Protein backbone atom coordinates (compact mmCIF):
# COMPACT_ATOMS: atom_id res chain seq x y z
CA MET A 1 -2.30 -9.94 -34.93
CA THR A 2 -1.14 -6.84 -36.79
CA SER A 3 -3.14 -4.49 -34.55
CA PHE A 4 -1.80 -6.28 -31.46
CA THR A 5 1.77 -5.89 -32.70
CA ASP A 6 1.13 -2.24 -33.55
CA ALA A 7 -0.24 -1.65 -30.05
CA PHE A 8 2.97 -2.98 -28.52
CA ALA A 9 5.08 -0.86 -30.86
CA GLN A 10 3.07 2.24 -29.98
CA ALA A 11 3.33 1.41 -26.29
CA PHE A 12 7.12 1.24 -26.47
CA LEU A 13 7.10 4.52 -28.42
CA LEU A 14 5.02 6.22 -25.71
CA ILE A 15 7.49 5.05 -23.06
CA SER A 16 10.66 5.84 -24.99
CA THR A 17 9.51 9.36 -25.93
CA GLY A 18 8.30 10.16 -22.41
CA ASN A 19 4.71 10.88 -23.41
CA THR A 20 3.43 13.76 -21.25
CA ASP A 21 0.14 12.10 -20.27
CA LEU A 22 1.92 8.85 -19.49
CA VAL A 23 4.50 10.53 -17.25
CA GLU A 24 1.81 12.53 -15.46
CA ILE A 25 -0.21 9.40 -14.69
CA VAL A 26 2.83 7.46 -13.48
CA LEU A 27 4.04 10.28 -11.22
CA LEU A 28 0.59 10.71 -9.66
CA SER A 29 0.37 6.95 -9.08
CA LEU A 30 3.76 6.94 -7.36
CA ARG A 31 2.87 9.95 -5.22
CA VAL A 32 -0.48 8.56 -4.09
CA SER A 33 0.77 5.04 -3.36
CA LEU A 34 4.02 6.04 -1.64
CA VAL A 35 2.31 8.61 0.59
CA ALA A 36 -0.37 6.04 1.46
CA LEU A 37 2.33 3.50 2.29
CA LEU A 38 4.24 5.95 4.50
CA VAL A 39 1.11 6.90 6.45
CA ALA A 40 0.05 3.26 6.77
CA CYS A 41 3.47 2.18 8.05
CA LEU A 42 3.64 4.99 10.61
CA LEU A 43 0.23 3.92 11.93
CA SER A 44 0.55 0.16 11.59
CA PHE A 45 4.03 -0.74 12.84
CA PRO A 46 3.46 0.54 16.40
CA ILE A 47 -0.08 -0.86 16.55
CA GLY A 48 1.02 -4.28 15.29
CA ALA A 49 3.90 -4.41 17.76
CA ALA A 50 1.69 -3.26 20.63
CA LEU A 51 -0.84 -6.00 19.86
CA ALA A 52 1.98 -8.54 19.93
CA ILE A 53 3.31 -7.61 23.36
CA SER A 54 0.13 -6.46 25.15
CA ARG A 55 -2.49 -8.54 26.91
CA PHE A 56 -5.88 -6.92 27.56
CA PRO A 57 -9.61 -7.76 27.28
CA GLY A 58 -10.76 -7.68 23.67
CA ARG A 59 -7.27 -8.12 22.24
CA GLN A 60 -8.19 -11.29 20.38
CA ALA A 61 -11.25 -9.61 18.88
CA ILE A 62 -9.09 -6.76 17.61
CA ILE A 63 -6.61 -9.22 16.09
CA LEU A 64 -9.44 -11.10 14.38
CA PHE A 65 -10.84 -7.82 13.09
CA PHE A 66 -7.56 -6.81 11.45
CA ASN A 67 -7.04 -10.31 10.05
CA ALA A 68 -10.52 -10.21 8.50
CA ALA A 69 -9.97 -6.67 7.22
CA MET A 70 -7.03 -7.87 5.14
CA GLY A 71 -9.63 -9.14 2.68
CA LEU A 72 -11.76 -5.98 2.62
CA PRO A 73 -13.45 -5.58 -0.80
CA PRO A 74 -11.97 -2.39 -2.28
CA VAL A 75 -15.28 -1.29 -3.79
CA VAL A 76 -16.91 -1.46 -0.36
CA VAL A 77 -14.13 0.71 1.08
CA GLY A 78 -14.55 3.12 -1.82
CA LEU A 79 -18.32 3.27 -1.38
CA THR A 80 -18.01 3.87 2.37
CA LEU A 81 -15.54 6.71 1.88
CA TYR A 82 -17.69 8.13 -0.92
CA LEU A 83 -20.68 8.31 1.43
CA LEU A 84 -18.52 10.01 4.08
CA PHE A 85 -16.99 12.57 1.72
CA SER A 86 -20.02 13.27 -0.54
CA GLN A 87 -22.12 16.42 -0.21
CA ALA A 88 -24.64 14.55 1.97
CA GLY A 89 -21.92 12.90 4.09
CA PRO A 90 -20.67 13.93 7.53
CA LEU A 91 -17.20 14.82 6.17
CA SER A 92 -18.38 16.84 3.17
CA VAL A 93 -16.95 20.02 4.73
CA LEU A 94 -13.45 18.66 4.07
CA GLU A 95 -14.13 18.65 0.30
CA LEU A 96 -11.97 15.58 -0.26
CA LEU A 97 -14.09 13.73 -2.81
CA TYR A 98 -12.45 13.40 -6.24
CA THR A 99 -9.05 14.47 -4.97
CA PRO A 100 -5.72 12.62 -4.63
CA THR A 101 -6.09 12.94 -0.85
CA ALA A 102 -9.26 10.84 -0.93
CA MET A 103 -7.40 8.22 -2.97
CA ILE A 104 -4.58 8.18 -0.43
CA ILE A 105 -7.07 7.68 2.41
CA ALA A 106 -8.71 4.79 0.51
CA GLN A 107 -5.35 3.09 0.01
CA VAL A 108 -4.38 3.63 3.66
CA VAL A 109 -7.61 1.93 4.78
CA LEU A 110 -6.80 -1.06 2.58
CA ILE A 111 -3.10 -1.27 3.51
CA VAL A 112 -3.28 -0.78 7.29
CA PRO A 113 -4.88 -4.16 8.17
CA ILE A 114 -2.26 -6.00 6.09
CA ILE A 115 0.69 -4.26 7.71
CA ILE A 116 -0.74 -4.51 11.24
CA SER A 117 -1.43 -8.24 10.93
CA LEU A 118 1.94 -9.08 9.39
CA THR A 119 3.79 -6.86 11.88
CA ARG A 120 2.00 -8.48 14.82
CA GLY A 121 3.04 -11.93 13.61
CA THR A 122 6.66 -10.89 13.10
CA VAL A 123 6.96 -9.17 16.49
CA SER A 124 5.22 -12.08 18.24
CA ASP A 125 7.92 -14.42 16.94
CA LEU A 126 10.66 -12.06 18.12
CA LEU A 127 8.99 -11.73 21.52
CA LEU A 128 9.38 -15.46 22.08
CA GLU A 129 13.11 -15.04 21.48
CA HIS A 130 13.78 -11.77 23.31
CA GLY A 131 10.87 -11.46 25.72
CA GLU A 132 12.70 -12.77 28.79
CA THR A 133 15.64 -10.45 28.17
CA LEU A 134 13.40 -7.41 27.83
CA ARG A 135 11.48 -8.27 30.98
CA ALA A 136 14.73 -8.82 32.89
CA MET A 137 15.85 -5.36 31.79
CA ARG A 138 12.50 -4.00 33.03
CA ALA A 139 11.85 -2.35 29.69
CA SER A 140 8.62 -0.41 29.44
CA ARG A 141 5.98 -1.29 26.85
CA ALA A 142 7.12 1.57 24.64
CA GLN A 143 10.75 0.47 24.92
CA GLN A 144 9.79 -3.11 24.09
CA VAL A 145 7.86 -1.95 21.03
CA MET A 146 10.77 0.15 19.74
CA THR A 147 13.35 -2.58 20.42
CA LEU A 148 11.36 -5.31 18.72
CA LEU A 149 10.55 -3.10 15.73
CA ARG A 150 14.28 -2.43 15.27
CA GLU A 151 15.00 -6.15 15.42
CA ALA A 152 12.19 -6.86 12.97
CA HIS A 153 13.19 -4.29 10.35
CA PRO A 154 14.24 -6.79 7.63
CA ALA A 155 10.85 -8.50 7.83
CA LEU A 156 9.06 -5.16 8.10
CA LEU A 157 10.62 -4.11 4.80
CA THR A 158 8.95 -7.09 3.14
CA THR A 159 5.71 -6.22 4.94
CA ALA A 160 5.89 -2.68 3.55
CA VAL A 161 6.40 -4.05 0.05
CA ALA A 162 3.29 -6.21 0.46
CA GLY A 163 1.36 -3.06 1.37
CA LEU A 164 2.83 -1.16 -1.56
CA GLY A 165 1.81 -3.95 -3.91
CA ARG A 166 -1.77 -3.71 -2.64
CA ALA A 167 -1.71 0.05 -3.14
CA PHE A 168 -0.36 -0.06 -6.69
CA ALA A 169 -2.83 -2.77 -7.71
CA GLU A 170 -5.90 -0.97 -6.34
CA VAL A 171 -8.60 0.03 -8.83
CA GLY A 172 -12.10 -0.02 -7.34
CA ALA A 173 -11.72 2.19 -4.27
CA VAL A 174 -9.55 4.85 -5.90
CA MET A 175 -11.84 5.03 -8.91
CA ILE A 176 -14.91 5.60 -6.71
CA VAL A 177 -13.40 8.31 -4.49
CA GLY A 178 -11.07 9.76 -7.14
CA GLY A 179 -13.43 9.73 -10.09
CA ASN A 180 -10.62 8.94 -12.57
CA ILE A 181 -10.52 12.59 -13.64
CA ASN A 182 -7.99 13.40 -16.35
CA HIS A 183 -5.00 15.43 -15.08
CA VAL A 184 -6.39 15.31 -11.53
CA THR A 185 -6.98 11.80 -10.18
CA ARG A 186 -6.13 9.45 -13.04
CA VAL A 187 -3.60 6.82 -11.92
CA MET A 188 -2.10 3.81 -13.65
CA THR A 189 -4.66 1.17 -12.69
CA THR A 190 -7.72 3.32 -13.40
CA SER A 191 -6.15 4.50 -16.66
CA ILE A 192 -5.50 0.92 -17.77
CA ALA A 193 -9.15 0.04 -17.12
CA LEU A 194 -10.36 3.14 -18.97
CA GLU A 195 -8.04 2.85 -21.97
CA THR A 196 -8.81 -0.85 -22.37
CA SER A 197 -12.55 -0.14 -22.37
CA ARG A 198 -11.95 2.50 -25.05
CA GLY A 199 -9.90 0.11 -27.14
CA GLU A 200 -6.78 2.29 -26.74
CA LEU A 201 -4.44 -0.62 -26.14
CA ALA A 202 -1.20 1.30 -26.67
CA MET A 203 -1.59 3.51 -23.59
CA ALA A 204 -2.98 0.60 -21.54
CA LEU A 205 -0.02 -1.61 -22.48
CA ALA A 206 2.50 1.17 -21.78
CA LEU A 207 1.07 1.73 -18.31
CA GLY A 208 0.86 -2.00 -17.69
CA MET A 209 4.53 -2.48 -18.57
CA ILE A 210 5.57 0.38 -16.28
CA LEU A 211 3.44 -0.99 -13.45
CA LEU A 212 4.99 -4.42 -13.89
CA LEU A 213 8.49 -2.93 -14.00
CA ILE A 214 7.87 -1.03 -10.75
CA ALA A 215 6.67 -4.21 -9.06
CA LEU A 216 9.68 -6.18 -10.28
CA CYS A 217 12.19 -3.49 -9.25
CA THR A 218 10.61 -3.15 -5.79
CA ASN A 219 10.72 -6.86 -5.12
CA ALA A 220 14.24 -7.15 -6.52
CA ALA A 221 15.39 -4.39 -4.16
CA VAL A 222 13.87 -6.19 -1.17
CA PHE A 223 15.47 -9.46 -2.25
CA ALA A 224 18.87 -7.77 -2.60
CA LEU A 225 18.68 -5.84 0.67
CA GLY A 226 17.20 -8.67 2.72
CA PRO A 227 20.40 -10.70 3.32
CA ARG A 228 22.44 -7.54 3.95
CA GLN A 229 19.95 -6.27 6.54
CA ARG A 230 19.84 -9.65 8.24
CA GLU A 231 23.65 -9.57 8.53
CA MET A 232 23.48 -6.05 10.00
CA ALA A 233 20.84 -7.20 12.49
CA HIS A 234 23.23 -9.86 13.82
CA VAL A 235 26.20 -7.51 14.15
């Protein structure tokens, strides 16, 4: 019990003193996950909305694919990207393996199906409400997509948070393609796994508390902004 208490005390000390290694790991984690989220949202929102309003052969198969991909095993994604980026892989010329860029790509692959599927569901519901109006106005597909995405922005904020949560929680894929290299690709989740295996509970607990705090603050912000954005949407 004494060692456990000491570990917590040391963890709080690491946080309160702004330990250099701790800050570096947290900042890299934020950079990787936020960039991955931004890229995933830019790709996924239009695709999800387009799937909601379009009707074409194979549409249902694409929807089923993205729904199934929401449960992609991260280690499989990591292994696939490793094979692509390794020296024997077709994308070895890009030299992305064991870099933050490779970690961002891995997180984007994992986030995109979630955001596309949730966006499609949200826009489909809005289409039932506004579809007749948009058709009466003879809006083009692109105009319909943009209009419905604007109407859906409160729900899309929650969708983005769901993607961010997946990104922050990711371990397997980013460890495989990033290598968990100190001062290069070591992020919070991979550091927690490493430090725990070493028995260095203080650093693991400090990172775990920060990760939990980020998750709580993000969800609290969405909860606080949600009603306000819904009111703005009805103005």
